[in-house]
Amino acid sequence: MEKEEKLRDAFSQLSSYREMARILQQQIAELTNVRSELSMTLNFLQEMKKMKEGDQVLVPAGSGLFVKTRLDSTDHVLVGIGANVVIERTPVEAQQILENRIKEIDETLQNLQESLAKVEEKIRVLAPEVERLMREKQKEI
């Protein structure tokens, strides 16, 4: 009975590690997408420096839908700060805000990737042990 309990515990632990790895991978993917969006927004702010009032731009409305509009001003942009709250900032200030967000995301991504590497190492070590215990259990049958 001891081997069966050991197998059950090891298998449960392996399943938990695999679930942790899946969650970490999902978080990494989501943050990578957010980082990509921030980078595209930074690129737009760079392009905006070349624009003037009245220039036509395409504004994303979501799901691949864009609206043609004209710039009222290139001196200020609206920056979301959370909870559906926006603040007016200069493009330079907005750029700094976005760069800080990217820096925070990069740090978080680094931490998540380190955590994922540790979990994957635990899986790599534990999986052969579970397989060995399963083979031993099958021999008993």
Protein backbone atom coordinates (compact mmCIF):
# COMPACT_ATOMS: atom_id res chain seq x y z
CA MET A 1 0.00 0.00 0.00
CA GLU A 2 2.95 2.32 0.63
CA LYS A 3 4.00 2.27 -3.05
CA GLU A 4 0.45 3.06 -4.13
CA GLU A 5 0.29 6.03 -1.78
CA LYS A 6 3.71 7.23 -2.94
CA LEU A 7 2.57 6.95 -6.57
CA ARG A 8 -0.65 8.82 -5.82
CA ASP A 9 1.25 11.62 -4.06
CA ALA A 10 3.87 11.92 -6.80
CA PHE A 11 1.23 11.90 -9.53
CA SER A 12 -0.79 14.55 -7.69
CA GLN A 13 2.31 16.70 -7.29
CA LEU A 14 3.20 16.28 -10.97
CA SER A 15 -0.33 17.27 -11.98
CA SER A 16 -0.11 20.37 -9.80
CA TYR A 17 3.22 21.38 -11.33
CA ARG A 18 1.83 20.89 -14.83
CA GLU A 19 -1.17 23.07 -13.99
CA MET A 20 1.16 25.75 -12.55
CA ALA A 21 3.22 25.63 -15.75
CA ARG A 22 0.08 26.02 -17.85
CA ILE A 23 -1.06 29.03 -15.82
CA LEU A 24 2.38 30.65 -15.98
CA GLN A 25 2.52 30.12 -19.76
CA GLN A 26 -0.92 31.70 -20.09
CA GLN A 27 0.13 34.72 -18.01
CA ILE A 28 3.29 35.10 -20.08
CA ALA A 29 1.28 35.01 -23.31
CA GLU A 30 -1.22 37.58 -22.04
CA LEU A 31 1.49 39.96 -20.85
CA THR A 32 3.38 39.53 -24.10
CA ASN A 33 0.23 40.61 -25.96
CA VAL A 34 -0.18 43.66 -23.71
CA ARG A 35 3.48 44.55 -24.25
CA SER A 36 3.03 44.28 -28.00
CA GLU A 37 0.04 46.61 -27.89
CA LEU A 38 2.01 49.13 -25.82
CA SER A 39 4.87 48.98 -28.32
CA MET A 40 2.48 49.68 -31.19
CA THR A 41 1.09 52.65 -29.26
CA LEU A 42 4.62 53.95 -28.70
CA ASN A 43 5.25 53.66 -32.43
CA PHE A 44 2.12 55.70 -33.11
CA LEU A 45 3.30 58.40 -30.71
CA GLN A 46 6.59 58.55 -32.62
CA GLU A 47 4.70 58.89 -35.91
CA MET A 48 2.43 61.50 -34.35
CA LYS A 49 5.44 63.82 -33.98
CA LYS A 50 5.44 64.11 -37.79
CA MET A 51 1.71 64.91 -37.95
CA LYS A 52 -0.09 68.20 -37.76
CA GLU A 53 -3.60 69.32 -36.90
CA GLY A 54 -6.09 68.22 -39.54
CA ASP A 55 -4.10 65.17 -40.68
CA GLN A 56 -6.26 62.13 -41.31
CA VAL A 57 -5.66 59.03 -39.16
CA LEU A 58 -7.26 55.62 -38.73
CA VAL A 59 -8.43 54.98 -35.19
CA PRO A 60 -8.97 51.35 -34.14
CA ALA A 61 -12.51 50.74 -32.89
CA GLY A 62 -11.88 47.07 -32.07
CA SER A 63 -12.16 43.70 -33.83
CA GLY A 64 -10.29 44.94 -36.89
CA LEU A 65 -12.60 47.92 -37.37
CA PHE A 66 -11.07 51.36 -37.98
CA VAL A 67 -12.59 54.82 -38.19
CA LYS A 68 -11.14 57.61 -40.33
CA THR A 69 -10.82 60.84 -38.41
CA ARG A 70 -8.82 64.04 -38.38
CA LEU A 71 -6.50 65.16 -35.62
CA ASP A 72 -7.81 68.08 -33.61
CA SER A 73 -4.52 68.52 -31.85
CA THR A 74 -1.10 66.92 -31.72
CA ASP A 75 -0.22 68.69 -28.47
CA HIS A 76 -2.15 66.37 -26.16
CA VAL A 77 -3.35 62.77 -25.99
CA LEU A 78 -5.61 60.92 -23.59
CA VAL A 79 -3.97 58.17 -21.54
CA GLY A 80 -5.94 55.46 -19.76
CA ILE A 81 -4.86 55.05 -16.14
CA GLY A 82 -7.32 52.30 -15.18
CA ALA A 83 -10.94 51.96 -14.07
CA ASN A 84 -12.05 53.67 -17.31
CA VAL A 85 -10.29 56.88 -16.23
CA VAL A 86 -8.25 58.86 -18.76
CA ILE A 87 -5.94 61.81 -18.28
CA GLU A 88 -4.71 64.37 -20.77
CA ARG A 89 -0.95 64.40 -21.32
CA THR A 90 1.53 65.64 -23.89
CA PRO A 91 2.81 62.99 -26.30
CA VAL A 92 6.18 63.07 -24.51
CA GLU A 93 4.53 62.49 -21.13
CA ALA A 94 2.39 59.72 -22.63
CA GLN A 95 5.49 58.12 -24.09
CA GLN A 96 7.14 58.11 -20.66
CA ILE A 97 4.05 56.53 -19.09
CA LEU A 98 4.00 53.80 -21.75
CA GLU A 99 7.74 53.18 -21.44
CA ASN A 100 7.32 52.76 -17.67
CA ARG A 101 4.49 50.27 -18.24
CA ILE A 102 6.65 48.31 -20.68
CA LYS A 103 9.49 48.27 -18.14
CA GLU A 104 7.13 46.93 -15.46
CA ILE A 105 5.80 44.28 -17.85
CA ASP A 106 9.33 43.26 -18.82
CA GLU A 107 10.22 42.81 -15.14
CA THR A 108 7.07 40.80 -14.52
CA LEU A 109 7.72 38.69 -17.62
CA GLN A 110 11.25 37.98 -16.40
CA ASN A 111 9.91 36.85 -13.01
CA LEU A 112 7.24 34.68 -14.63
CA GLN A 113 9.77 33.07 -16.97
CA GLU A 114 12.08 32.32 -14.04
CA SER A 115 9.17 30.78 -12.13
CA LEU A 116 8.20 28.75 -15.19
CA ALA A 117 11.76 27.47 -15.57
CA LYS A 118 11.75 26.32 -11.92
CA VAL A 119 8.39 24.56 -12.32
CA GLU A 120 9.49 22.92 -15.58
CA GLU A 121 12.63 21.66 -13.83
CA LYS A 122 10.49 20.13 -11.07
CA ILE A 123 8.35 18.46 -13.75
CA ARG A 124 11.46 17.19 -15.53
CA VAL A 125 12.73 15.63 -12.30
CA LEU A 126 9.40 14.27 -11.05
CA ALA A 127 8.00 12.81 -14.31
CA PRO A 128 10.55 9.94 -14.53
CA GLU A 129 9.89 9.11 -10.88
CA VAL A 130 6.14 8.86 -11.54
CA GLU A 131 6.80 6.69 -14.57
CA ARG A 132 9.07 4.41 -12.52
CA LEU A 133 6.47 4.08 -9.76
CA MET A 134 3.77 3.30 -12.35
CA ARG A 135 5.92 0.56 -13.90
CA GLU A 136 6.51 -0.95 -10.46
CA LYS A 137 2.80 -0.83 -9.72
CA GLN A 138 1.98 -2.57 -13.03
CA LYS A 139 4.49 -5.34 -12.25
CA GLU A 140 2.60 -6.05 -9.02
CA ILE A 141 -0.65 -6.63 -10.93
